[in-house]
Amino acid sequence: MPINPCRNPKCEYFNRTLPINARHCPGCGQPLGNAVDIAIPDAYRVHKSLDPISPLLIQSNSHPTLKLVHPDGQEFYLKSEMGYIGRSSPTSVIMPEIDLKGIPNDGVISRGAHARLYWDGNQKCYIIVDNSSRNGTYLDGTLLQPDTPYRLKSGALLQLGQDGLVRLRVMIG
């Protein structure tokens, strides 16, 4: 039987068997290379306008700063090459690097890890992956397919949850 272990030696799940269809380690969020794809019928695909991209290994290169700007002026920064955006909670296993707890309408944001953000050194761009959030993640008005990487572009509008209650402007520079 194939195994699907985390390869990050600093993670508590290092070399532990994870579910065969897991795409990311639940401890550190690192992509798992030998996850089995589950076929999704076209009828269940959410969109066709944004093309998903293939996840590649993150390379340690210098990268521009990723800043998310809330309409009320608050600014949120991704301080490392990878992190989660979400809402902190005492019961969360993953604490988000970009913690949106306390902003207006934060209840539509998933606790812990709503989405994962990371710098892809091969493609020289930031990537966002919806972490199967309850209320979804939207990029420029298009609902993102869960567990699928998408490029972030400066000026894009990132929406967490439905009804446009939590919107952030993406700034890369």
N, C-alpha and C. Protein backbone atom coordinates (compact mmCIF):
# COMPACT_ATOMS: atom_id res chain seq x y z
N MET A 1 0.84 -1.19 0.00
CA MET A 1 0.00 0.00 0.00
C MET A 1 0.88 1.24 0.00
N PRO A 2 0.65 2.20 -0.92
CA PRO A 2 1.48 3.40 -0.95
C PRO A 2 1.24 4.27 0.28
N ILE A 3 2.30 4.96 0.69
CA ILE A 3 2.16 5.90 1.80
C ILE A 3 2.33 7.31 1.26
N ASN A 4 1.92 8.26 2.06
CA ASN A 4 1.96 9.66 1.63
C ASN A 4 2.53 10.49 2.77
N PRO A 5 3.84 10.36 3.08
CA PRO A 5 4.38 11.04 4.26
C PRO A 5 4.77 12.48 4.01
N CYS A 6 4.82 13.24 5.10
CA CYS A 6 5.36 14.60 5.04
C CYS A 6 6.88 14.49 4.98
N ARG A 7 7.51 15.29 4.13
CA ARG A 7 8.96 15.24 3.95
C ARG A 7 9.69 16.37 4.69
N ASN A 8 8.96 17.15 5.48
CA ASN A 8 9.57 18.27 6.20
C ASN A 8 10.08 17.75 7.55
N PRO A 9 11.41 17.67 7.75
CA PRO A 9 11.94 17.12 8.99
C PRO A 9 11.61 17.94 10.24
N LYS A 10 11.18 19.18 10.08
CA LYS A 10 10.82 20.02 11.23
C LYS A 10 9.36 19.85 11.64
N CYS A 11 8.59 19.08 10.86
CA CYS A 11 7.15 18.94 11.09
C CYS A 11 6.87 17.75 12.01
N GLU A 12 5.83 17.88 12.82
CA GLU A 12 5.43 16.78 13.71
C GLU A 12 4.92 15.57 12.93
N TYR A 13 4.54 15.76 11.65
CA TYR A 13 4.05 14.66 10.82
C TYR A 13 5.15 14.08 9.93
N PHE A 14 6.40 14.45 10.15
CA PHE A 14 7.52 14.00 9.33
C PHE A 14 7.54 12.47 9.26
N ASN A 15 7.52 11.95 8.03
CA ASN A 15 7.57 10.52 7.73
C ASN A 15 6.41 9.72 8.32
N ARG A 16 5.37 10.39 8.79
CA ARG A 16 4.18 9.67 9.25
C ARG A 16 3.24 9.47 8.07
N THR A 17 2.55 8.35 8.05
CA THR A 17 1.61 8.06 6.97
C THR A 17 0.41 8.98 7.08
N LEU A 18 0.09 9.63 5.96
CA LEU A 18 -1.06 10.54 5.89
C LEU A 18 -2.05 9.94 4.90
N PRO A 19 -3.29 10.42 4.88
CA PRO A 19 -4.27 9.88 3.93
C PRO A 19 -3.74 9.95 2.50
N ILE A 20 -4.01 8.91 1.72
CA ILE A 20 -3.46 8.78 0.37
C ILE A 20 -3.89 9.92 -0.54
N ASN A 21 -5.04 10.54 -0.28
CA ASN A 21 -5.50 11.64 -1.14
C ASN A 21 -5.15 13.02 -0.58
N ALA A 22 -4.38 13.08 0.52
CA ALA A 22 -3.97 14.37 1.10
C ALA A 22 -2.99 15.05 0.16
N ARG A 23 -3.23 16.31 -0.11
CA ARG A 23 -2.33 17.07 -0.99
C ARG A 23 -1.33 17.89 -0.19
N HIS A 24 -1.66 18.22 1.06
CA HIS A 24 -0.80 19.06 1.89
C HIS A 24 -0.75 18.47 3.29
N CYS A 25 0.40 18.59 3.93
CA CYS A 25 0.56 18.11 5.30
C CYS A 25 -0.31 18.95 6.23
N PRO A 26 -1.08 18.31 7.14
CA PRO A 26 -1.92 19.08 8.06
C PRO A 26 -1.12 19.83 9.11
N GLY A 27 0.14 19.45 9.31
CA GLY A 27 0.96 20.12 10.30
C GLY A 27 1.66 21.36 9.80
N CYS A 28 2.31 21.23 8.63
CA CYS A 28 3.12 22.36 8.13
C CYS A 28 2.61 22.92 6.81
N GLY A 29 1.67 22.24 6.16
CA GLY A 29 1.10 22.74 4.92
C GLY A 29 1.94 22.45 3.68
N GLN A 30 3.05 21.75 3.85
CA GLN A 30 3.91 21.45 2.70
C GLN A 30 3.17 20.54 1.73
N PRO A 31 3.30 20.81 0.41
CA PRO A 31 2.67 19.92 -0.57
C PRO A 31 3.24 18.51 -0.46
N LEU A 32 2.37 17.52 -0.59
CA LEU A 32 2.79 16.12 -0.56
C LEU A 32 2.90 15.64 -2.00
N GLY A 33 4.06 15.18 -2.38
CA GLY A 33 4.34 14.88 -3.77
C GLY A 33 3.64 13.68 -4.35
N ASN A 34 3.28 12.68 -3.56
CA ASN A 34 2.72 11.48 -4.15
C ASN A 34 1.26 11.28 -3.78
N ALA A 35 0.52 12.37 -3.67
CA ALA A 35 -0.91 12.28 -3.40
C ALA A 35 -1.63 11.74 -4.62
N VAL A 36 -2.65 10.97 -4.38
CA VAL A 36 -3.44 10.40 -5.46
C VAL A 36 -4.54 11.39 -5.84
N ASP A 37 -4.66 11.67 -7.13
CA ASP A 37 -5.72 12.55 -7.59
C ASP A 37 -7.04 11.80 -7.63
N ILE A 38 -8.08 12.47 -7.20
CA ILE A 38 -9.42 11.91 -7.27
C ILE A 38 -10.12 12.62 -8.41
N ALA A 39 -10.65 11.84 -9.34
CA ALA A 39 -11.30 12.44 -10.51
C ALA A 39 -12.54 13.22 -10.09
N ILE A 40 -12.65 14.45 -10.61
CA ILE A 40 -13.81 15.30 -10.33
C ILE A 40 -14.56 15.48 -11.64
N PRO A 41 -15.82 15.09 -11.69
CA PRO A 41 -16.58 15.27 -12.93
C PRO A 41 -16.67 16.75 -13.30
N ASP A 42 -16.68 17.03 -14.61
CA ASP A 42 -16.76 18.41 -15.08
C ASP A 42 -17.98 19.15 -14.53
N ALA A 43 -19.06 18.43 -14.24
CA ALA A 43 -20.26 19.08 -13.72
C ALA A 43 -20.01 19.74 -12.37
N TYR A 44 -18.98 19.29 -11.64
CA TYR A 44 -18.68 19.85 -10.33
C TYR A 44 -17.60 20.91 -10.36
N ARG A 45 -17.02 21.17 -11.51
CA ARG A 45 -16.00 22.21 -11.60
C ARG A 45 -16.67 23.57 -11.46
N VAL A 46 -16.05 24.44 -10.70
CA VAL A 46 -16.65 25.71 -10.34
C VAL A 46 -16.48 26.76 -11.41
N HIS A 47 -15.38 26.76 -12.12
CA HIS A 47 -15.10 27.83 -13.05
C HIS A 47 -14.25 27.34 -14.21
N LYS A 48 -14.16 28.13 -15.21
CA LYS A 48 -13.29 27.86 -16.35
C LYS A 48 -12.42 29.08 -16.66
N SER A 49 -12.68 30.23 -16.04
CA SER A 49 -12.01 31.47 -16.44
C SER A 49 -10.59 31.60 -15.89
N LEU A 50 -10.29 31.03 -14.72
CA LEU A 50 -8.94 31.08 -14.18
C LEU A 50 -8.31 29.72 -14.36
N ASP A 51 -7.13 29.67 -14.94
CA ASP A 51 -6.46 28.41 -15.16
C ASP A 51 -5.65 28.02 -13.94
N PRO A 52 -5.91 26.84 -13.36
CA PRO A 52 -5.06 26.37 -12.27
C PRO A 52 -3.65 26.14 -12.80
N ILE A 53 -2.68 26.22 -11.92
CA ILE A 53 -1.31 25.97 -12.34
C ILE A 53 -0.77 24.78 -11.58
N SER A 54 0.28 24.20 -12.09
CA SER A 54 0.90 23.05 -11.44
C SER A 54 1.74 23.53 -10.27
N PRO A 55 1.56 22.93 -9.08
CA PRO A 55 2.40 23.34 -7.96
C PRO A 55 3.83 22.87 -8.20
N LEU A 56 4.78 23.70 -7.89
CA LEU A 56 6.19 23.36 -8.01
C LEU A 56 6.84 23.54 -6.65
N LEU A 57 8.00 22.95 -6.48
CA LEU A 57 8.70 23.08 -5.22
C LEU A 57 9.08 24.53 -4.98
N ILE A 58 8.97 24.94 -3.74
CA ILE A 58 9.32 26.30 -3.37
C ILE A 58 10.84 26.39 -3.28
N GLN A 59 11.43 27.33 -3.96
CA GLN A 59 12.86 27.53 -3.90
C GLN A 59 13.14 28.73 -3.00
N SER A 60 14.25 28.64 -2.29
CA SER A 60 14.61 29.72 -1.40
C SER A 60 15.38 30.79 -2.17
N ASN A 61 14.68 31.73 -2.72
CA ASN A 61 15.26 32.86 -3.44
C ASN A 61 14.70 34.13 -2.82
N SER A 62 15.32 35.25 -3.14
CA SER A 62 14.71 36.48 -2.68
C SER A 62 13.38 36.65 -3.41
N HIS A 63 12.45 37.22 -2.74
CA HIS A 63 11.12 37.36 -3.33
C HIS A 63 10.54 38.70 -2.91
N PRO A 64 9.63 39.23 -3.72
CA PRO A 64 9.00 40.50 -3.36
C PRO A 64 8.08 40.32 -2.15
N THR A 65 7.69 41.41 -1.56
CA THR A 65 6.80 41.39 -0.40
C THR A 65 5.36 41.25 -0.85
N LEU A 66 4.62 40.38 -0.17
CA LEU A 66 3.18 40.23 -0.42
C LEU A 66 2.45 40.98 0.69
N LYS A 67 1.65 41.96 0.28
CA LYS A 67 0.86 42.76 1.22
C LYS A 67 -0.60 42.66 0.80
N LEU A 68 -1.48 42.46 1.77
CA LEU A 68 -2.92 42.44 1.54
C LEU A 68 -3.51 43.64 2.27
N VAL A 69 -4.27 44.45 1.56
CA VAL A 69 -4.80 45.69 2.12
C VAL A 69 -6.32 45.59 2.24
N HIS A 70 -6.81 45.76 3.46
CA HIS A 70 -8.24 45.75 3.75
C HIS A 70 -8.81 47.13 3.41
N PRO A 71 -10.09 47.22 3.01
CA PRO A 71 -10.69 48.53 2.69
C PRO A 71 -10.60 49.56 3.82
N ASP A 72 -10.51 49.10 5.08
CA ASP A 72 -10.41 50.06 6.18
C ASP A 72 -8.98 50.57 6.38
N GLY A 73 -8.04 50.13 5.51
CA GLY A 73 -6.67 50.61 5.57
C GLY A 73 -5.69 49.67 6.26
N GLN A 74 -6.18 48.65 6.97
CA GLN A 74 -5.27 47.71 7.62
C GLN A 74 -4.46 46.98 6.56
N GLU A 75 -3.18 46.76 6.87
CA GLU A 75 -2.29 46.04 5.96
C GLU A 75 -1.81 44.77 6.63
N PHE A 76 -1.78 43.69 5.86
CA PHE A 76 -1.35 42.38 6.35
C PHE A 76 -0.24 41.89 5.43
N TYR A 77 0.86 41.41 6.03
CA TYR A 77 2.03 41.00 5.27
C TYR A 77 2.30 39.51 5.46
N LEU A 78 2.72 38.85 4.38
CA LEU A 78 3.25 37.50 4.47
C LEU A 78 4.75 37.66 4.73
N LYS A 79 5.20 37.27 5.92
CA LYS A 79 6.57 37.57 6.34
C LYS A 79 7.57 36.50 5.92
N SER A 80 7.09 35.36 5.48
CA SER A 80 7.99 34.30 5.03
C SER A 80 7.56 33.85 3.64
N GLU A 81 8.19 32.81 3.14
CA GLU A 81 7.85 32.33 1.80
C GLU A 81 6.54 31.57 1.76
N MET A 82 6.06 31.12 2.92
CA MET A 82 4.81 30.37 2.96
C MET A 82 4.08 30.65 4.26
N GLY A 83 2.77 30.72 4.19
CA GLY A 83 1.97 30.90 5.39
C GLY A 83 0.50 30.77 5.07
N TYR A 84 -0.29 30.78 6.13
CA TYR A 84 -1.74 30.66 5.98
C TYR A 84 -2.39 32.00 6.27
N ILE A 85 -3.53 32.21 5.62
CA ILE A 85 -4.39 33.35 5.92
C ILE A 85 -5.66 32.76 6.51
N GLY A 86 -6.12 33.33 7.60
CA GLY A 86 -7.31 32.81 8.27
C GLY A 86 -7.63 33.63 9.50
N ARG A 87 -8.30 32.97 10.43
CA ARG A 87 -8.74 33.63 11.67
C ARG A 87 -8.27 32.76 12.83
N SER A 88 -7.52 33.35 13.74
CA SER A 88 -7.01 32.58 14.87
C SER A 88 -8.14 32.16 15.79
N SER A 89 -7.92 31.03 16.43
CA SER A 89 -8.89 30.48 17.36
C SER A 89 -8.13 29.57 18.32
N PRO A 90 -8.55 29.50 19.59
CA PRO A 90 -7.86 28.63 20.54
C PRO A 90 -7.93 27.15 20.14
N THR A 91 -8.92 26.79 19.32
CA THR A 91 -9.07 25.39 18.92
C THR A 91 -8.40 25.07 17.59
N SER A 92 -7.81 26.07 16.94
CA SER A 92 -7.18 25.84 15.64
C SER A 92 -5.88 25.07 15.80
N VAL A 93 -5.68 24.09 14.92
CA VAL A 93 -4.42 23.36 14.89
C VAL A 93 -3.35 24.23 14.23
N ILE A 94 -3.73 24.94 13.18
CA ILE A 94 -2.81 25.81 12.46
C ILE A 94 -3.12 27.26 12.80
N MET A 95 -2.10 27.99 13.21
CA MET A 95 -2.28 29.41 13.48
C MET A 95 -1.89 30.17 12.21
N PRO A 96 -2.77 31.02 11.71
CA PRO A 96 -2.47 31.72 10.46
C PRO A 96 -1.38 32.78 10.64
N GLU A 97 -0.49 32.87 9.66
CA GLU A 97 0.50 33.94 9.69
C GLU A 97 -0.18 35.28 9.44
N ILE A 98 -1.16 35.28 8.54
CA ILE A 98 -1.96 36.47 8.31
C ILE A 98 -3.28 36.24 9.04
N ASP A 99 -3.37 36.80 10.24
CA ASP A 99 -4.53 36.58 11.12
C ASP A 99 -5.52 37.73 10.94
N LEU A 100 -6.69 37.40 10.43
CA LEU A 100 -7.71 38.42 10.17
C LEU A 100 -8.76 38.52 11.27
N LYS A 101 -8.49 37.89 12.41
CA LYS A 101 -9.42 37.97 13.53
C LYS A 101 -9.57 39.43 13.95
N GLY A 102 -10.82 39.86 14.09
CA GLY A 102 -11.09 41.22 14.54
C GLY A 102 -11.45 42.19 13.43
N ILE A 103 -11.24 41.82 12.17
CA ILE A 103 -11.67 42.72 11.10
C ILE A 103 -13.18 42.59 10.96
N PRO A 104 -13.86 43.55 10.37
CA PRO A 104 -15.30 43.43 10.19
C PRO A 104 -15.67 42.17 9.41
N ASN A 105 -16.71 41.49 9.86
CA ASN A 105 -17.25 40.28 9.22
C ASN A 105 -16.27 39.11 9.24
N ASP A 106 -15.38 39.04 10.23
CA ASP A 106 -14.39 37.96 10.25
C ASP A 106 -15.00 36.57 10.41
N GLY A 107 -16.27 36.49 10.75
CA GLY A 107 -16.93 35.20 10.91
C GLY A 107 -17.04 34.38 9.63
N VAL A 108 -16.89 35.00 8.46
CA VAL A 108 -16.95 34.24 7.21
C VAL A 108 -15.60 33.62 6.86
N ILE A 109 -14.56 33.95 7.64
CA ILE A 109 -13.21 33.43 7.41
C ILE A 109 -13.03 32.16 8.22
N SER A 110 -12.48 31.14 7.59
CA SER A 110 -12.24 29.87 8.29
C SER A 110 -11.25 30.07 9.42
N ARG A 111 -11.48 29.33 10.52
CA ARG A 111 -10.55 29.35 11.64
C ARG A 111 -9.27 28.65 11.20
N GLY A 112 -8.15 29.20 11.60
CA GLY A 112 -6.86 28.59 11.26
C GLY A 112 -6.46 28.89 9.83
N ALA A 113 -6.64 27.91 8.97
CA ALA A 113 -6.11 28.00 7.61
C ALA A 113 -7.22 28.08 6.57
N HIS A 114 -7.67 29.28 6.25
CA HIS A 114 -8.67 29.47 5.20
C HIS A 114 -8.03 29.17 3.84
N ALA A 115 -6.82 29.70 3.64
CA ALA A 115 -6.08 29.48 2.39
C ALA A 115 -4.58 29.53 2.69
N ARG A 116 -3.82 28.91 1.81
CA ARG A 116 -2.36 28.90 1.94
C ARG A 116 -1.78 29.82 0.87
N LEU A 117 -0.78 30.59 1.28
CA LEU A 117 -0.08 31.50 0.37
C LEU A 117 1.39 31.09 0.35
N TYR A 118 2.00 31.10 -0.83
CA TYR A 118 3.43 30.82 -0.87
C TYR A 118 4.07 31.42 -2.11
N TRP A 119 5.38 31.64 -2.01
CA TRP A 119 6.17 32.15 -3.12
C TRP A 119 6.69 30.95 -3.91
N ASP A 120 6.45 30.93 -5.20
CA ASP A 120 6.96 29.89 -6.07
C ASP A 120 8.18 30.46 -6.79
N GLY A 121 9.37 30.03 -6.39
CA GLY A 121 10.60 30.55 -6.96
C GLY A 121 10.79 30.18 -8.41
N ASN A 122 10.25 29.05 -8.84
CA ASN A 122 10.38 28.64 -10.24
C ASN A 122 9.56 29.53 -11.16
N GLN A 123 8.35 29.85 -10.73
CA GLN A 123 7.47 30.66 -11.56
C GLN A 123 7.56 32.15 -11.24
N LYS A 124 8.32 32.47 -10.18
CA LYS A 124 8.52 33.87 -9.76
C LYS A 124 7.19 34.57 -9.50
N CYS A 125 6.34 33.92 -8.72
CA CYS A 125 5.05 34.52 -8.39
C CYS A 125 4.55 33.96 -7.07
N TYR A 126 3.62 34.69 -6.45
CA TYR A 126 2.93 34.18 -5.27
C TYR A 126 1.76 33.32 -5.73
N ILE A 127 1.47 32.30 -4.93
CA ILE A 127 0.42 31.34 -5.21
C ILE A 127 -0.56 31.35 -4.04
N ILE A 128 -1.84 31.18 -4.34
CA ILE A 128 -2.85 30.98 -3.30
C ILE A 128 -3.54 29.66 -3.55
N VAL A 129 -3.81 28.92 -2.46
CA VAL A 129 -4.52 27.65 -2.53
C VAL A 129 -5.62 27.69 -1.48
N ASP A 130 -6.88 27.59 -1.91
CA ASP A 130 -7.99 27.52 -0.96
C ASP A 130 -7.89 26.20 -0.22
N ASN A 131 -7.99 26.24 1.09
CA ASN A 131 -7.81 25.07 1.94
C ASN A 131 -9.16 24.41 2.22
N SER A 132 -9.96 24.20 1.18
CA SER A 132 -11.31 23.63 1.32
C SER A 132 -12.12 24.40 2.36
N SER A 133 -12.02 25.72 2.30
CA SER A 133 -12.72 26.57 3.26
C SER A 133 -14.23 26.44 3.09
N ARG A 134 -14.95 26.65 4.17
CA ARG A 134 -16.40 26.51 4.16
C ARG A 134 -17.08 27.51 3.23
N ASN A 135 -16.64 28.77 3.25
CA ASN A 135 -17.30 29.82 2.48
C ASN A 135 -16.57 30.21 1.20
N GLY A 136 -15.47 29.55 0.89
CA GLY A 136 -14.78 29.77 -0.37
C GLY A 136 -13.82 30.93 -0.37
N THR A 137 -12.99 30.94 -1.41
CA THR A 137 -12.04 32.01 -1.68
C THR A 137 -12.25 32.45 -3.11
N TYR A 138 -12.27 33.75 -3.33
CA TYR A 138 -12.52 34.31 -4.66
C TYR A 138 -11.34 35.17 -5.06
N LEU A 139 -10.98 35.12 -6.33
CA LEU A 139 -9.93 35.96 -6.87
C LEU A 139 -10.53 36.72 -8.05
N ASP A 140 -10.59 38.05 -7.92
CA ASP A 140 -11.23 38.90 -8.93
C ASP A 140 -12.63 38.40 -9.28
N GLY A 141 -13.38 37.99 -8.25
CA GLY A 141 -14.77 37.59 -8.43
C GLY A 141 -14.99 36.15 -8.84
N THR A 142 -13.92 35.38 -9.05
CA THR A 142 -14.06 33.99 -9.47
C THR A 142 -13.77 33.06 -8.30
N LEU A 143 -14.71 32.15 -8.02
CA LEU A 143 -14.53 31.18 -6.94
C LEU A 143 -13.40 30.23 -7.29
N LEU A 144 -12.43 30.08 -6.37
CA LEU A 144 -11.30 29.19 -6.60
C LEU A 144 -11.67 27.76 -6.24
N GLN A 145 -11.19 26.84 -7.04
CA GLN A 145 -11.39 25.42 -6.76
C GLN A 145 -10.51 25.04 -5.57
N PRO A 146 -11.05 24.37 -4.55
CA PRO A 146 -10.24 24.00 -3.39
C PRO A 146 -9.03 23.16 -3.78
N ASP A 147 -7.96 23.33 -3.02
CA ASP A 147 -6.73 22.55 -3.16
C ASP A 147 -6.08 22.68 -4.54
N THR A 148 -6.35 23.79 -5.22
CA THR A 148 -5.77 24.05 -6.54
C THR A 148 -5.01 25.36 -6.48
N PRO A 149 -3.74 25.37 -6.92
CA PRO A 149 -2.95 26.61 -6.85
C PRO A 149 -3.30 27.60 -7.96
N TYR A 150 -3.33 28.88 -7.60
CA TYR A 150 -3.59 29.98 -8.54
C TYR A 150 -2.57 31.08 -8.32
N ARG A 151 -2.16 31.72 -9.39
CA ARG A 151 -1.22 32.84 -9.30
C ARG A 151 -1.92 34.07 -8.72
N LEU A 152 -1.20 34.77 -7.85
CA LEU A 152 -1.68 36.06 -7.35
C LEU A 152 -0.97 37.16 -8.13
N LYS A 153 -1.70 38.16 -8.54
CA LYS A 153 -1.12 39.29 -9.26
C LYS A 153 -1.39 40.57 -8.48
N SER A 154 -0.45 41.47 -8.53
CA SER A 154 -0.61 42.75 -7.85
C SER A 154 -1.84 43.47 -8.40
N GLY A 155 -2.66 43.98 -7.50
CA GLY A 155 -3.88 44.67 -7.88
C GLY A 155 -5.11 43.79 -7.87
N ALA A 156 -4.93 42.47 -7.76
CA ALA A 156 -6.07 41.55 -7.75
C ALA A 156 -6.89 41.76 -6.48
N LEU A 157 -8.17 41.44 -6.56
CA LEU A 157 -9.05 41.52 -5.41
C LEU A 157 -9.26 40.12 -4.87
N LEU A 158 -8.83 39.90 -3.63
CA LEU A 158 -8.98 38.63 -2.94
C LEU A 158 -10.16 38.74 -2.01
N GLN A 159 -11.09 37.81 -2.12
CA GLN A 159 -12.28 37.81 -1.27
C GLN A 159 -12.33 36.49 -0.52
N LEU A 160 -12.49 36.58 0.80
CA LEU A 160 -12.62 35.39 1.63
C LEU A 160 -14.06 35.29 2.08
N GLY A 161 -14.71 34.18 1.76
CA GLY A 161 -16.11 34.00 2.08
C GLY A 161 -17.00 34.62 1.03
N GLN A 162 -18.29 34.42 1.22
CA GLN A 162 -19.28 34.87 0.24
C GLN A 162 -19.71 36.31 0.48
N ASP A 163 -20.45 36.83 -0.45
CA ASP A 163 -21.13 38.13 -0.35
C ASP A 163 -20.20 39.34 -0.27
N GLY A 164 -18.92 39.16 -0.57
CA GLY A 164 -18.00 40.30 -0.58
C GLY A 164 -17.79 40.95 0.77
N LEU A 165 -18.00 40.21 1.86
CA LEU A 165 -17.89 40.81 3.19
C LEU A 165 -16.43 41.04 3.61
N VAL A 166 -15.52 40.17 3.16
CA VAL A 166 -14.10 40.33 3.48
C VAL A 166 -13.33 40.39 2.17
N ARG A 167 -12.85 41.60 1.87
CA ARG A 167 -12.10 41.83 0.63
C ARG A 167 -10.74 42.40 0.97
N LEU A 168 -9.75 41.95 0.23
CA LEU A 168 -8.38 42.42 0.42
C LEU A 168 -7.76 42.67 -0.95
N ARG A 169 -7.08 43.78 -1.08
CA ARG A 169 -6.38 44.09 -2.34
C ARG A 169 -4.98 43.51 -2.25
N VAL A 170 -4.57 42.76 -3.25
CA VAL A 170 -3.25 42.15 -3.30
C VAL A 170 -2.24 43.17 -3.82
N MET A 171 -1.16 43.35 -3.08
CA MET A 171 -0.08 44.26 -3.49
C MET A 171 1.23 43.47 -3.41
N ILE A 172 1.94 43.40 -4.52
CA ILE A 172 3.21 42.67 -4.57
C ILE A 172 4.28 43.66 -5.00
N GLY A 173 5.32 43.74 -4.19
CA GLY A 173 6.38 44.68 -4.56
C GLY A 173 7.56 44.63 -3.63
